[in-house]
Amino acid sequence: MTDDLTALHLDHFYPHPPAKVWRVLTEPELMARWLMPNDFKLEVGHAFTFTTDPLPRFGFDGVVHCRVLEIEHQKLLKISWTDRKTADWTVSWRLEGEGRGTRVFLDHEGFDPDDPIQQHSRRVMGGGWRSRHFAAIERLLAELP
């Protein structure tokens, strides 16, 4: 994780081709298995939600409201990500072929450096992307043909 208090910039290598990684990142039923249940469509402008457990202590009702902002087939997916209260972020996954695999660059941007709850979210999400979500993507990729 960088010292940038407004963003997370992470990357992870998967020993799978970009087309296969792209499927896991963009097919709603696969996305639900590594991230959250959703009504995602791979279509610029599509508004969708992720649902998860509420965190009342932080004022989070368990619904993440999103919109597809940008798509470059098998190379880039960028979405907005908001709880409609304090969080107003963008999340981008950029894929680059690397040897026989794919490096995925994740940029989660827009954290308020002066908001203690957002900074707590940044720390928790940084760890979660690495330890939970990158690992879940890896397991899912291993299951797919």
Protein backbone atom coordinates (compact mmCIF):
# COMPACT_ATOMS: atom_id res chain seq x y z
CA MET A 1 0.00 0.00 0.00
CA THR A 2 1.28 3.48 -0.82
CA ASP A 3 1.39 6.51 1.47
CA ASP A 4 -1.36 8.12 -0.63
CA LEU A 5 -4.18 8.62 1.90
CA THR A 6 -6.70 9.21 -0.90
CA ALA A 7 -6.22 5.87 -2.68
CA LEU A 8 -5.19 2.25 -2.71
CA HIS A 9 -2.92 1.14 -5.56
CA LEU A 10 -2.43 -2.61 -5.53
CA ASP A 11 -1.48 -5.28 -8.01
CA HIS A 12 -1.56 -9.06 -8.16
CA PHE A 13 -0.27 -11.62 -10.67
CA TYR A 14 -2.47 -14.51 -11.80
CA PRO A 15 -0.98 -17.37 -13.83
CA HIS A 16 -3.98 -17.28 -16.19
CA PRO A 17 -4.57 -15.50 -19.52
CA PRO A 18 -6.26 -12.08 -19.56
CA ALA A 19 -9.47 -13.45 -21.16
CA LYS A 20 -10.01 -15.83 -18.24
CA VAL A 21 -9.25 -13.17 -15.61
CA TRP A 22 -11.59 -10.76 -17.42
CA ARG A 23 -14.44 -13.29 -17.12
CA VAL A 24 -13.99 -13.50 -13.34
CA LEU A 25 -13.91 -9.71 -13.02
CA THR A 26 -16.94 -9.04 -15.24
CA GLU A 27 -19.42 -11.94 -15.22
CA PRO A 28 -21.97 -11.16 -12.50
CA GLU A 29 -22.29 -14.71 -11.17
CA LEU A 30 -18.51 -15.08 -10.97
CA MET A 31 -18.09 -11.59 -9.48
CA ALA A 32 -20.60 -12.55 -6.76
CA ARG A 33 -18.36 -15.47 -5.77
CA TRP A 34 -15.25 -13.35 -5.11
CA LEU A 35 -16.69 -9.94 -4.24
CA MET A 36 -20.40 -9.53 -3.45
CA PRO A 37 -23.85 -10.42 -4.82
CA ASN A 38 -24.73 -7.92 -7.52
CA ASP A 39 -26.83 -6.96 -10.51
CA PHE A 40 -23.82 -5.93 -12.61
CA LYS A 41 -23.90 -5.68 -16.41
CA LEU A 42 -20.83 -5.05 -18.52
CA GLU A 43 -22.26 -1.89 -20.03
CA VAL A 44 -21.01 1.68 -19.65
CA GLY A 45 -23.55 3.71 -17.68
CA HIS A 46 -25.21 0.69 -16.06
CA ALA A 47 -26.20 1.42 -12.44
CA PHE A 48 -25.98 -1.59 -10.14
CA THR A 49 -25.56 -2.57 -6.51
CA PHE A 50 -23.41 -4.86 -4.44
CA THR A 51 -24.95 -6.19 -1.23
CA THR A 52 -23.17 -7.34 1.90
CA ASP A 53 -23.57 -7.35 5.66
CA PRO A 54 -24.52 -3.97 7.15
CA LEU A 55 -22.11 -2.24 9.51
CA PRO A 56 -24.40 -0.01 11.62
CA ARG A 57 -21.46 1.19 13.74
CA PHE A 58 -20.14 2.93 10.63
CA GLY A 59 -23.54 3.93 9.24
CA PHE A 60 -23.27 1.39 6.39
CA ASP A 61 -26.53 -0.35 5.42
CA GLY A 62 -24.86 -3.11 3.39
CA VAL A 63 -25.64 -1.69 -0.06
CA VAL A 64 -22.94 -0.33 -2.35
CA HIS A 65 -24.33 1.75 -5.22
CA CYS A 66 -22.23 1.62 -8.37
CA ARG A 67 -22.14 2.66 -12.00
CA VAL A 68 -19.98 1.32 -14.82
CA LEU A 69 -17.82 4.27 -15.87
CA GLU A 70 -15.40 2.80 -18.39
CA ILE A 71 -14.73 -0.47 -20.17
CA GLU A 72 -11.86 -1.49 -22.39
CA HIS A 73 -12.48 -5.15 -23.26
CA GLN A 74 -10.10 -7.48 -21.39
CA LYS A 75 -8.04 -4.46 -20.29
CA LEU A 76 -9.99 -2.07 -18.03
CA LEU A 77 -13.10 -1.95 -15.88
CA LYS A 78 -13.79 1.25 -13.94
CA ILE A 79 -16.79 1.74 -11.67
CA SER A 80 -18.10 4.30 -9.21
CA TRP A 81 -18.63 3.01 -5.64
CA THR A 82 -20.72 4.85 -3.05
CA ASP A 83 -22.74 4.24 0.10
CA ARG A 84 -24.63 7.49 -0.67
CA LYS A 85 -23.49 8.94 2.64
CA THR A 86 -19.75 9.43 2.99
CA ALA A 87 -18.06 7.09 0.53
CA ASP A 88 -17.74 8.37 -3.04
CA TRP A 89 -15.01 6.33 -4.68
CA THR A 90 -13.92 4.86 -7.98
CA VAL A 91 -12.52 1.37 -8.37
CA SER A 92 -10.58 0.31 -11.45
CA TRP A 93 -9.17 -3.03 -12.49
CA ARG A 94 -6.55 -2.85 -15.24
CA LEU A 95 -5.26 -6.07 -16.81
CA GLU A 96 -1.86 -6.48 -18.45
CA GLY A 97 -0.60 -9.69 -19.98
CA GLU A 98 2.63 -10.78 -18.31
CA GLY A 99 4.32 -13.87 -19.73
CA ARG A 100 1.68 -16.62 -19.67
CA GLY A 101 -0.34 -14.82 -17.03
CA THR A 102 -2.01 -11.54 -16.17
CA ARG A 103 -1.13 -8.77 -13.77
CA VAL A 104 -4.18 -7.00 -12.37
CA PHE A 105 -3.72 -3.45 -11.14
CA LEU A 106 -6.39 -2.26 -8.71
CA ASP A 107 -6.92 1.44 -8.02
CA HIS A 108 -9.47 2.28 -5.31
CA GLU A 109 -9.55 6.07 -5.24
CA GLY A 110 -11.35 8.98 -3.58
CA PHE A 111 -10.79 8.43 0.16
CA ASP A 112 -10.97 11.60 2.26
CA PRO A 113 -7.62 11.91 4.07
CA ASP A 114 -9.26 13.98 6.85
CA ASP A 115 -12.15 11.60 7.59
CA PRO A 116 -11.26 8.99 10.23
CA ILE A 117 -14.00 6.59 9.07
CA GLN A 118 -12.82 6.77 5.48
CA GLN A 119 -9.23 6.22 6.55
CA HIS A 120 -10.34 3.22 8.59
CA SER A 121 -12.20 1.96 5.49
CA ARG A 122 -9.06 2.49 3.40
CA ARG A 123 -6.97 0.39 5.80
CA VAL A 124 -9.56 -2.38 6.07
CA MET A 125 -10.21 -2.46 2.33
CA GLY A 126 -6.50 -2.48 1.54
CA GLY A 127 -6.09 -5.60 3.63
CA GLY A 128 -9.31 -7.12 2.31
CA TRP A 129 -8.42 -6.64 -1.35
CA ARG A 130 -5.10 -8.36 -0.75
CA SER A 131 -5.93 -11.17 1.65
CA ARG A 132 -9.53 -11.94 0.79
CA HIS A 133 -10.45 -10.85 -2.72
CA PHE A 134 -7.21 -11.50 -4.61
CA ALA A 135 -7.09 -14.98 -3.01
CA ALA A 136 -10.76 -15.66 -3.86
CA ILE A 137 -10.14 -14.68 -7.48
CA GLU A 138 -7.17 -17.06 -7.56
CA ARG A 139 -9.27 -19.95 -6.25
CA LEU A 140 -12.05 -19.20 -8.71
CA LEU A 141 -9.63 -19.02 -11.65
CA ALA A 142 -8.25 -22.43 -10.67
CA GLU A 143 -11.80 -23.91 -10.81
CA LEU A 144 -12.67 -22.55 -14.26
CA PRO A 145 -11.82 -24.35 -17.52
